[in-house]
Amino acid sequence: MNLTEHFTIEELTQSKSYPKIPNKPTDKVRANLLNLAKNILEPTRVMMAQPIIITSGYRCEQLNKAVGGVPNSYHLTGQAADIHITSEAFAKRLLDIFALNRHVDLALYEHNKKGAKWIHVQTNANPRNMIIRDYHV
């Protein structure tokens, strides 16, 4: 089901790492995912003029624990997404666009010791528009 022109509920709820964990959003989570897609992901996709690959959106509690997410993760409420990074320039451009978006609460350029890199973006009712360009997990 399409949330916006470029984003579906399926891509914001899928788990490639743990496909057997049922990750079904509630109506409230669906509403949050729609808000995230409509106010942050879709405008960013349009400004980037290229695809944005979501690696993690909504996570039920079981999935969040399985991936090592924090207990108060915005992913649990459908208010966060992790975006695959194709290059440093791509990451910088994403963060620059997020800095202009009043709906962004927090955007982090995250990377781990294994070399994986991604952008985490989240929203809430009172967005702070915090952009952190180098965050280690």
C-alpha atoms as a PDB file:
ATOM      1  CA  MET A   1       0.000   0.000   0.000  1.00  0.00           C
ATOM      2  CA  ASN A   2       1.378   3.391  -1.010  1.00  0.00           C
ATOM      3  CA  LEU A   3       1.840   5.984   1.699  1.00  0.00           C
ATOM      4  CA  THR A   4       3.202   8.507  -0.807  1.00  0.00           C
ATOM      5  CA  GLU A   5       4.255   8.405  -4.441  1.00  0.00           C
ATOM      6  CA  HIS A   6       7.633   6.823  -3.609  1.00  0.00           C
ATOM      7  CA  PHE A   7       7.108   5.010  -0.287  1.00  0.00           C
ATOM      8  CA  THR A   8       4.968   2.044   0.725  1.00  0.00           C
ATOM      9  CA  ILE A   9       3.891   0.668   4.070  1.00  0.00           C
ATOM     10  CA  GLU A  10       5.625  -2.601   3.140  1.00  0.00           C
ATOM     11  CA  GLU A  11       9.066  -1.041   2.735  1.00  0.00           C
ATOM     12  CA  LEU A  12       8.687   0.793   6.041  1.00  0.00           C
ATOM     13  CA  THR A  13       7.752  -2.392   7.924  1.00  0.00           C
ATOM     14  CA  GLN A  14       9.872  -5.099   6.270  1.00  0.00           C
ATOM     15  CA  SER A  15      12.799  -6.811   7.944  1.00  0.00           C
ATOM     16  CA  LYS A  16      15.304  -8.503   5.663  1.00  0.00           C
ATOM     17  CA  SER A  17      17.392  -9.573   8.658  1.00  0.00           C
ATOM     18  CA  TYR A  18      14.503 -11.183  10.569  1.00  0.00           C
ATOM     19  CA  PRO A  19      11.727 -11.951   8.055  1.00  0.00           C
ATOM     20  CA  LYS A  20      10.048 -14.495  10.363  1.00  0.00           C
ATOM     21  CA  ILE A  21       9.327 -11.943  13.098  1.00  0.00           C
ATOM     22  CA  PRO A  22       5.774 -10.632  12.569  1.00  0.00           C
ATOM     23  CA  ASN A  23       6.122  -6.866  12.268  1.00  0.00           C
ATOM     24  CA  LYS A  24       2.536  -5.672  11.901  1.00  0.00           C
ATOM     25  CA  PRO A  25       1.883  -1.997  12.677  1.00  0.00           C
ATOM     26  CA  THR A  26      -1.106  -0.830  14.687  1.00  0.00           C
ATOM     27  CA  ASP A  27      -3.367   1.913  13.337  1.00  0.00           C
ATOM     28  CA  LYS A  28      -1.451   4.495  15.413  1.00  0.00           C
ATOM     29  CA  VAL A  29       1.882   3.271  14.032  1.00  0.00           C
ATOM     30  CA  ARG A  30       0.443   3.377  10.474  1.00  0.00           C
ATOM     31  CA  ALA A  31      -0.568   7.010  11.077  1.00  0.00           C
ATOM     32  CA  ASN A  32       2.960   7.790  12.296  1.00  0.00           C
ATOM     33  CA  LEU A  33       4.484   6.071   9.250  1.00  0.00           C
ATOM     34  CA  LEU A  34       2.218   8.098   6.973  1.00  0.00           C
ATOM     35  CA  ASN A  35       3.344  11.291   8.710  1.00  0.00           C
ATOM     36  CA  LEU A  36       7.013  10.278   8.416  1.00  0.00           C
ATOM     37  CA  ALA A  37       6.655   9.420   4.727  1.00  0.00           C
ATOM     38  CA  LYS A  38       4.561  12.484   3.851  1.00  0.00           C
ATOM     39  CA  ASN A  39       6.495  15.126   5.777  1.00  0.00           C
ATOM     40  CA  ILE A  40      10.078  13.854   5.691  1.00  0.00           C
ATOM     41  CA  LEU A  41      10.810  10.959   3.342  1.00  0.00           C
ATOM     42  CA  GLU A  42       8.802  12.033   0.282  1.00  0.00           C
ATOM     43  CA  PRO A  43       9.950  15.685   0.240  1.00  0.00           C
ATOM     44  CA  THR A  44      13.529  14.482   0.701  1.00  0.00           C
ATOM     45  CA  ARG A  45      13.182  11.969  -2.145  1.00  0.00           C
ATOM     46  CA  VAL A  46      11.832  14.708  -4.417  1.00  0.00           C
ATOM     47  CA  MET A  47      14.657  17.109  -3.506  1.00  0.00           C
ATOM     48  CA  MET A  48      17.296  14.396  -3.967  1.00  0.00           C
ATOM     49  CA  ALA A  49      15.804  13.440  -7.349  1.00  0.00           C
ATOM     50  CA  GLN A  50      16.968   9.862  -6.783  1.00  0.00           C
ATOM     51  CA  PRO A  51      15.761   6.824  -4.839  1.00  0.00           C
ATOM     52  CA  ILE A  52      16.139   6.575  -1.073  1.00  0.00           C
ATOM     53  CA  ILE A  53      16.477   3.043   0.254  1.00  0.00           C
ATOM     54  CA  ILE A  54      14.940   2.450   3.674  1.00  0.00           C
ATOM     55  CA  THR A  55      16.781  -0.256   5.619  1.00  0.00           C
ATOM     56  CA  SER A  56      14.650   0.002   8.758  1.00  0.00           C
ATOM     57  CA  GLY A  57      11.370   1.720   9.541  1.00  0.00           C
ATOM     58  CA  TYR A  58       8.828   0.461  12.043  1.00  0.00           C
ATOM     59  CA  ARG A  59      10.043  -2.262  14.407  1.00  0.00           C
ATOM     60  CA  CYS A  60       7.822  -4.198  16.786  1.00  0.00           C
ATOM     61  CA  GLU A  61       9.341  -4.797  20.216  1.00  0.00           C
ATOM     62  CA  GLN A  62      10.597  -8.287  19.301  1.00  0.00           C
ATOM     63  CA  LEU A  63      12.275  -7.033  16.112  1.00  0.00           C
ATOM     64  CA  ASN A  64      13.754  -4.020  17.875  1.00  0.00           C
ATOM     65  CA  LYS A  65      15.363  -6.325  20.467  1.00  0.00           C
ATOM     66  CA  ALA A  66      16.617  -8.690  17.749  1.00  0.00           C
ATOM     67  CA  VAL A  67      18.419  -5.888  15.886  1.00  0.00           C
ATOM     68  CA  GLY A  68      19.860  -4.402  19.070  1.00  0.00           C
ATOM     69  CA  GLY A  69      17.669  -1.281  19.067  1.00  0.00           C
ATOM     70  CA  VAL A  70      17.398   0.875  22.175  1.00  0.00           C
ATOM     71  CA  PRO A  71      14.294   0.342  24.359  1.00  0.00           C
ATOM     72  CA  ASN A  72      12.958   3.850  23.654  1.00  0.00           C
ATOM     73  CA  SER A  73      13.623   3.768  19.892  1.00  0.00           C
ATOM     74  CA  TYR A  74      11.423   5.917  17.688  1.00  0.00           C
ATOM     75  CA  HIS A  75      11.286   2.902  15.361  1.00  0.00           C
ATOM     76  CA  LEU A  76       8.896   1.301  17.883  1.00  0.00           C
ATOM     77  CA  THR A  77       6.290   3.983  17.192  1.00  0.00           C
ATOM     78  CA  GLY A  78       6.823   4.287  13.430  1.00  0.00           C
ATOM     79  CA  GLN A  79       8.437   7.703  13.805  1.00  0.00           C
ATOM     80  CA  ALA A  80      11.903   6.784  12.489  1.00  0.00           C
ATOM     81  CA  ALA A  81      13.616   5.395   9.432  1.00  0.00           C
ATOM     82  CA  ASP A  82      17.168   4.355   8.623  1.00  0.00           C
ATOM     83  CA  ILE A  83      18.394   5.197   5.135  1.00  0.00           C
ATOM     84  CA  HIS A  84      21.075   3.329   3.192  1.00  0.00           C
ATOM     85  CA  ILE A  85      24.098   5.482   2.377  1.00  0.00           C
ATOM     86  CA  THR A  86      25.618   5.145  -1.080  1.00  0.00           C
ATOM     87  CA  SER A  87      28.440   7.685  -0.567  1.00  0.00           C
ATOM     88  CA  GLU A  88      29.690  10.398   1.762  1.00  0.00           C
ATOM     89  CA  ALA A  89      28.333  13.016  -0.653  1.00  0.00           C
ATOM     90  CA  PHE A  90      24.905  11.336  -0.561  1.00  0.00           C
ATOM     91  CA  ALA A  91      24.953  11.374   3.260  1.00  0.00           C
ATOM     92  CA  LYS A  92      25.962  15.046   3.381  1.00  0.00           C
ATOM     93  CA  ARG A  93      23.215  15.986   0.939  1.00  0.00           C
ATOM     94  CA  LEU A  94      20.598  14.071   2.944  1.00  0.00           C
ATOM     95  CA  LEU A  95      21.630  15.773   6.171  1.00  0.00           C
ATOM     96  CA  ASP A  96      21.627  19.195   4.491  1.00  0.00           C
ATOM     97  CA  ILE A  97      18.065  18.580   3.273  1.00  0.00           C
ATOM     98  CA  PHE A  98      16.962  17.314   6.699  1.00  0.00           C
ATOM     99  CA  ALA A  99      18.383  20.497   8.259  1.00  0.00           C
ATOM    100  CA  LEU A 100      15.873  22.482   6.178  1.00  0.00           C
ATOM    101  CA  ASN A 101      12.875  20.342   7.157  1.00  0.00           C
ATOM    102  CA  ARG A 102      10.939  21.618  10.175  1.00  0.00           C
ATOM    103  CA  HIS A 103       9.402  18.142  10.731  1.00  0.00           C
ATOM    104  CA  VAL A 104      12.783  16.509  11.478  1.00  0.00           C
ATOM    105  CA  ASP A 105      13.355  15.941  15.166  1.00  0.00           C
ATOM    106  CA  LEU A 106      16.736  14.258  14.812  1.00  0.00           C
ATOM    107  CA  ALA A 107      18.960  13.085  11.968  1.00  0.00           C
ATOM    108  CA  LEU A 108      22.110  11.090  12.708  1.00  0.00           C
ATOM    109  CA  TYR A 109      24.887   9.901  10.442  1.00  0.00           C
ATOM    110  CA  GLU A 110      25.492   6.546  12.109  1.00  0.00           C
ATOM    111  CA  HIS A 111      28.160   3.919  11.563  1.00  0.00           C
ATOM    112  CA  ASN A 112      29.341   0.873  13.447  1.00  0.00           C
ATOM    113  CA  LYS A 113      32.638  -0.942  13.923  1.00  0.00           C
ATOM    114  CA  LYS A 114      31.794  -3.332  11.084  1.00  0.00           C
ATOM    115  CA  GLY A 115      31.804  -0.439   8.607  1.00  0.00           C
ATOM    116  CA  ALA A 116      28.047  -0.178   8.070  1.00  0.00           C
ATOM    117  CA  LYS A 117      26.793   3.384   7.539  1.00  0.00           C
ATOM    118  CA  TRP A 118      23.300   4.806   7.510  1.00  0.00           C
ATOM    119  CA  ILE A 119      21.283   7.928   8.241  1.00  0.00           C
ATOM    120  CA  HIS A 120      18.707   7.682  11.033  1.00  0.00           C
ATOM    121  CA  VAL A 121      15.916  10.251  10.803  1.00  0.00           C
ATOM    122  CA  GLN A 122      13.040  10.692  13.241  1.00  0.00           C
ATOM    123  CA  THR A 123      10.099  12.956  13.877  1.00  0.00           C
ATOM    124  CA  ASN A 124       7.773  13.734  16.758  1.00  0.00           C
ATOM    125  CA  ALA A 125       5.175  16.284  17.861  1.00  0.00           C
ATOM    126  CA  ASN A 126       7.835  18.835  18.907  1.00  0.00           C
ATOM    127  CA  PRO A 127      10.743  18.487  16.453  1.00  0.00           C
ATOM    128  CA  ARG A 128      14.102  19.905  17.562  1.00  0.00           C
ATOM    129  CA  ASN A 129      15.741  19.793  14.111  1.00  0.00           C
ATOM    130  CA  MET A 130      18.971  18.331  15.496  1.00  0.00           C
ATOM    131  CA  ILE A 131      21.442  17.220  12.824  1.00  0.00           C
ATOM    132  CA  ILE A 132      24.395  15.134  14.045  1.00  0.00           C
ATOM    133  CA  ARG A 133      26.897  14.447  11.297  1.00  0.00           C
ATOM    134  CA  ASP A 134      29.209  11.922  13.015  1.00  0.00           C
ATOM    135  CA  TYR A 135      27.689   9.500  15.491  1.00  0.00           C
ATOM    136  CA  HIS A 136      29.183   6.118  16.418  1.00  0.00           C
ATOM    137  CA  VAL A 137      26.981   3.258  17.611  1.00  0.00           C
END
